[in-house]
Amino acid sequence: MALTGKRIFIVEDDLNNRIVVEMLLSNNGAHTSFERWGTDTVKLLQRFAPVDVIILDLMFPKGISGYEIFDEIRQDDAFKTVPIVAVSAAEPNEAIRKTKAKGFAGFIAKPIDFRLFPQQIAAIIAGENIWYKR
């Protein structure tokens, strides 16, 4: 399996979305951990490190954005080069433009494609950029 042994950290506030992502990744051999609200991301990432890829939603409650969380993650030297992919229901054309400009490794529109998603994450870990809108 393409994700066997890979360590994937998920930042997602929607419980159903997170469970689906975790199941798809773990069924493909990955080890996962998560942070739900975007408020303790770096601390929990440090506990889970090393990390092969970070999956980051863009929209959180209480005015927190995935772009702010991205900046916080990048301030930690241990995570400066870890690929971060946005997985979001944000309007794809605008989100792709913004995530590319920010330095994300990709954008995958929700709802995710269950068949493609593990392959997309494996490709990002392998160094590819993925810009996917349904």
C-alpha atoms as a PDB file:
ATOM      1  CA  MET A   1       0.000   0.000   0.000  1.00  0.00           C
ATOM      2  CA  ALA A   2       1.226   3.432  -0.971  1.00  0.00           C
ATOM      3  CA  LEU A   3       0.752   4.910   2.511  1.00  0.00           C
ATOM      4  CA  THR A   4       2.170   2.060   4.598  1.00  0.00           C
ATOM      5  CA  GLY A   5       4.089   3.495   7.538  1.00  0.00           C
ATOM      6  CA  LYS A   6       3.435   7.125   6.557  1.00  0.00           C
ATOM      7  CA  ARG A   7       2.605   9.535   9.367  1.00  0.00           C
ATOM      8  CA  ILE A   8      -0.229  11.898   8.534  1.00  0.00           C
ATOM      9  CA  PHE A   9      -1.539  14.707  10.731  1.00  0.00           C
ATOM     10  CA  ILE A  10      -5.086  15.970  10.125  1.00  0.00           C
ATOM     11  CA  VAL A  11      -6.489  19.340  11.193  1.00  0.00           C
ATOM     12  CA  GLU A  12     -10.261  19.081  10.693  1.00  0.00           C
ATOM     13  CA  ASP A  13     -13.106  20.360  12.878  1.00  0.00           C
ATOM     14  CA  ASP A  14     -15.909  18.293  11.291  1.00  0.00           C
ATOM     15  CA  LEU A  15     -16.012  14.916  13.048  1.00  0.00           C
ATOM     16  CA  ASN A  16     -17.590  13.042  10.122  1.00  0.00           C
ATOM     17  CA  ASN A  17     -15.056  14.401   7.617  1.00  0.00           C
ATOM     18  CA  ARG A  18     -12.163  13.532   9.933  1.00  0.00           C
ATOM     19  CA  ILE A  19     -13.389   9.983  10.511  1.00  0.00           C
ATOM     20  CA  VAL A  20     -13.734   9.371   6.766  1.00  0.00           C
ATOM     21  CA  VAL A  21     -10.240  10.733   6.080  1.00  0.00           C
ATOM     22  CA  GLU A  22      -8.711   8.734   8.945  1.00  0.00           C
ATOM     23  CA  MET A  23     -10.390   5.516   7.786  1.00  0.00           C
ATOM     24  CA  LEU A  24      -9.278   5.948   4.167  1.00  0.00           C
ATOM     25  CA  LEU A  25      -5.697   6.656   5.222  1.00  0.00           C
ATOM     26  CA  SER A  26      -5.410   3.959   7.897  1.00  0.00           C
ATOM     27  CA  ASN A  27      -6.990   1.384   5.564  1.00  0.00           C
ATOM     28  CA  ASN A  28      -4.085   2.201   3.239  1.00  0.00           C
ATOM     29  CA  GLY A  29      -1.456   1.666   5.952  1.00  0.00           C
ATOM     30  CA  ALA A  30      -0.958   5.190   7.322  1.00  0.00           C
ATOM     31  CA  HIS A  31      -0.630   6.230  10.956  1.00  0.00           C
ATOM     32  CA  THR A  32      -2.762   9.285  11.721  1.00  0.00           C
ATOM     33  CA  SER A  33      -3.254  11.825  14.438  1.00  0.00           C
ATOM     34  CA  PHE A  34      -5.405  14.937  14.500  1.00  0.00           C
ATOM     35  CA  GLU A  35      -6.241  18.295  15.986  1.00  0.00           C
ATOM     36  CA  ARG A  36      -9.833  19.449  15.799  1.00  0.00           C
ATOM     37  CA  TRP A  37     -10.074  23.204  16.312  1.00  0.00           C
ATOM     38  CA  GLY A  38      -6.792  24.626  14.994  1.00  0.00           C
ATOM     39  CA  THR A  39      -5.870  26.034  18.417  1.00  0.00           C
ATOM     40  CA  ASP A  40      -3.219  23.495  19.530  1.00  0.00           C
ATOM     41  CA  THR A  41      -1.979  22.326  16.155  1.00  0.00           C
ATOM     42  CA  VAL A  42       1.763  22.927  16.561  1.00  0.00           C
ATOM     43  CA  LYS A  43       1.886  21.426  20.075  1.00  0.00           C
ATOM     44  CA  LEU A  44       0.080  18.261  18.932  1.00  0.00           C
ATOM     45  CA  LEU A  45       2.189  18.072  15.756  1.00  0.00           C
ATOM     46  CA  GLN A  46       5.329  18.175  17.905  1.00  0.00           C
ATOM     47  CA  ARG A  47       4.039  15.229  19.946  1.00  0.00           C
ATOM     48  CA  PHE A  48       3.212  13.209  16.798  1.00  0.00           C
ATOM     49  CA  ALA A  49       6.393  14.073  14.822  1.00  0.00           C
ATOM     50  CA  PRO A  50       7.935  13.041  12.525  1.00  0.00           C
ATOM     51  CA  VAL A  51       5.174  13.788  10.024  1.00  0.00           C
ATOM     52  CA  ASP A  52       5.104  12.972   6.288  1.00  0.00           C
ATOM     53  CA  VAL A  53       2.189  15.265   5.368  1.00  0.00           C
ATOM     54  CA  ILE A  54      -0.327  17.573   7.040  1.00  0.00           C
ATOM     55  CA  ILE A  55      -3.955  17.676   5.893  1.00  0.00           C
ATOM     56  CA  LEU A  56      -5.475  21.042   6.762  1.00  0.00           C
ATOM     57  CA  ASP A  57      -9.059  22.253   6.478  1.00  0.00           C
ATOM     58  CA  LEU A  58      -9.351  25.939   5.600  1.00  0.00           C
ATOM     59  CA  MET A  59     -12.503  26.900   7.528  1.00  0.00           C
ATOM     60  CA  PHE A  60     -12.867  26.624  11.308  1.00  0.00           C
ATOM     61  CA  PRO A  61     -15.310  28.078  13.820  1.00  0.00           C
ATOM     62  CA  LYS A  62     -14.489  31.152  15.889  1.00  0.00           C
ATOM     63  CA  GLY A  63     -12.884  33.005  12.980  1.00  0.00           C
ATOM     64  CA  ILE A  64      -9.822  30.754  12.717  1.00  0.00           C
ATOM     65  CA  SER A  65      -8.647  30.086   9.164  1.00  0.00           C
ATOM     66  CA  GLY A  66      -6.484  27.333   7.759  1.00  0.00           C
ATOM     67  CA  TYR A  67      -4.214  30.006   6.321  1.00  0.00           C
ATOM     68  CA  GLU A  68      -3.413  31.247   9.855  1.00  0.00           C
ATOM     69  CA  ILE A  69      -2.788  27.673  11.024  1.00  0.00           C
ATOM     70  CA  PHE A  70      -0.497  27.158   7.991  1.00  0.00           C
ATOM     71  CA  ASP A  71       1.569  30.187   9.099  1.00  0.00           C
ATOM     72  CA  GLU A  72       1.808  28.878  12.678  1.00  0.00           C
ATOM     73  CA  ILE A  73       2.975  25.458  11.462  1.00  0.00           C
ATOM     74  CA  ARG A  74       5.619  27.010   9.191  1.00  0.00           C
ATOM     75  CA  GLN A  75       7.059  29.047  12.078  1.00  0.00           C
ATOM     76  CA  ASP A  76       8.266  25.792  13.679  1.00  0.00           C
ATOM     77  CA  ASP A  77      11.569  24.715  12.070  1.00  0.00           C
ATOM     78  CA  ALA A  78      10.613  21.039  12.361  1.00  0.00           C
ATOM     79  CA  PHE A  79       7.678  21.577   9.984  1.00  0.00           C
ATOM     80  CA  LYS A  80       9.077  24.151   7.535  1.00  0.00           C
ATOM     81  CA  THR A  81       9.341  21.616   4.701  1.00  0.00           C
ATOM     82  CA  VAL A  82       6.557  19.141   5.559  1.00  0.00           C
ATOM     83  CA  PRO A  83       3.999  19.222   2.722  1.00  0.00           C
ATOM     84  CA  ILE A  84       0.669  20.732   3.748  1.00  0.00           C
ATOM     85  CA  VAL A  85      -2.426  20.027   1.651  1.00  0.00           C
ATOM     86  CA  ALA A  86      -5.697  21.905   2.040  1.00  0.00           C
ATOM     87  CA  VAL A  87      -8.772  19.665   2.029  1.00  0.00           C
ATOM     88  CA  SER A  88     -11.721  22.010   2.068  1.00  0.00           C
ATOM     89  CA  ALA A  89     -15.212  22.894   0.912  1.00  0.00           C
ATOM     90  CA  ALA A  90     -14.005  26.436   0.163  1.00  0.00           C
ATOM     91  CA  GLU A  91     -14.732  27.699  -3.350  1.00  0.00           C
ATOM     92  CA  PRO A  92     -12.061  25.801  -5.337  1.00  0.00           C
ATOM     93  CA  ASN A  93     -10.952  28.437  -7.848  1.00  0.00           C
ATOM     94  CA  GLU A  94     -10.258  31.051  -5.191  1.00  0.00           C
ATOM     95  CA  ALA A  95      -8.854  28.529  -2.683  1.00  0.00           C
ATOM     96  CA  ILE A  96      -6.465  27.023  -5.248  1.00  0.00           C
ATOM     97  CA  ARG A  97      -5.143  30.479  -6.125  1.00  0.00           C
ATOM     98  CA  LYS A  98      -4.667  31.376  -2.437  1.00  0.00           C
ATOM     99  CA  THR A  99      -3.155  28.033  -1.376  1.00  0.00           C
ATOM    100  CA  LYS A 100      -0.684  28.078  -4.292  1.00  0.00           C
ATOM    101  CA  ALA A 101       0.372  31.631  -3.386  1.00  0.00           C
ATOM    102  CA  LYS A 102       0.772  30.649   0.285  1.00  0.00           C
ATOM    103  CA  GLY A 103       2.957  27.623  -0.469  1.00  0.00           C
ATOM    104  CA  PHE A 104       0.605  24.697   0.122  1.00  0.00           C
ATOM    105  CA  ALA A 105       1.514  21.439  -1.628  1.00  0.00           C
ATOM    106  CA  GLY A 106      -2.029  21.073  -2.890  1.00  0.00           C
ATOM    107  CA  PHE A 107      -5.754  21.578  -2.605  1.00  0.00           C
ATOM    108  CA  ILE A 108      -8.354  18.803  -2.631  1.00  0.00           C
ATOM    109  CA  ALA A 109     -11.994  19.857  -2.803  1.00  0.00           C
ATOM    110  CA  LYS A 110     -14.595  18.342  -0.493  1.00  0.00           C
ATOM    111  CA  PRO A 111     -16.372  16.063  -0.776  1.00  0.00           C
ATOM    112  CA  ILE A 112     -13.262  13.966  -1.374  1.00  0.00           C
ATOM    113  CA  ASP A 113     -13.207  11.154  -3.899  1.00  0.00           C
ATOM    114  CA  PHE A 114     -12.830   8.021  -1.727  1.00  0.00           C
ATOM    115  CA  ARG A 115     -11.058   6.105  -4.484  1.00  0.00           C
ATOM    116  CA  LEU A 116      -8.616   8.879  -5.444  1.00  0.00           C
ATOM    117  CA  PHE A 117      -7.867  10.410  -2.035  1.00  0.00           C
ATOM    118  CA  PRO A 118      -5.238   7.920  -0.759  1.00  0.00           C
ATOM    119  CA  GLN A 119      -3.431   8.158  -4.122  1.00  0.00           C
ATOM    120  CA  GLN A 120      -3.555  11.966  -4.005  1.00  0.00           C
ATOM    121  CA  ILE A 121      -2.017  12.006  -0.515  1.00  0.00           C
ATOM    122  CA  ALA A 122       0.663   9.483  -1.553  1.00  0.00           C
ATOM    123  CA  ALA A 123       1.520  11.690  -4.552  1.00  0.00           C
ATOM    124  CA  ILE A 124       1.905  14.747  -2.295  1.00  0.00           C
ATOM    125  CA  ILE A 125       4.186  12.798   0.058  1.00  0.00           C
ATOM    126  CA  ALA A 126       6.229  11.799  -3.023  1.00  0.00           C
ATOM    127  CA  GLY A 127       6.750  15.487  -3.848  1.00  0.00           C
ATOM    128  CA  GLU A 128       3.984  16.173  -6.355  1.00  0.00           C
ATOM    129  CA  ASN A 129       1.534  19.063  -6.105  1.00  0.00           C
ATOM    130  CA  ILE A 130      -2.147  18.184  -6.416  1.00  0.00           C
ATOM    131  CA  TRP A 131      -4.786  20.785  -7.314  1.00  0.00           C
ATOM    132  CA  TYR A 132      -8.101  18.924  -7.422  1.00  0.00           C
ATOM    133  CA  LYS A 133     -11.582  20.298  -7.768  1.00  0.00           C
ATOM    134  CA  ARG A 134     -14.508  18.056  -8.616  1.00  0.00           C
END
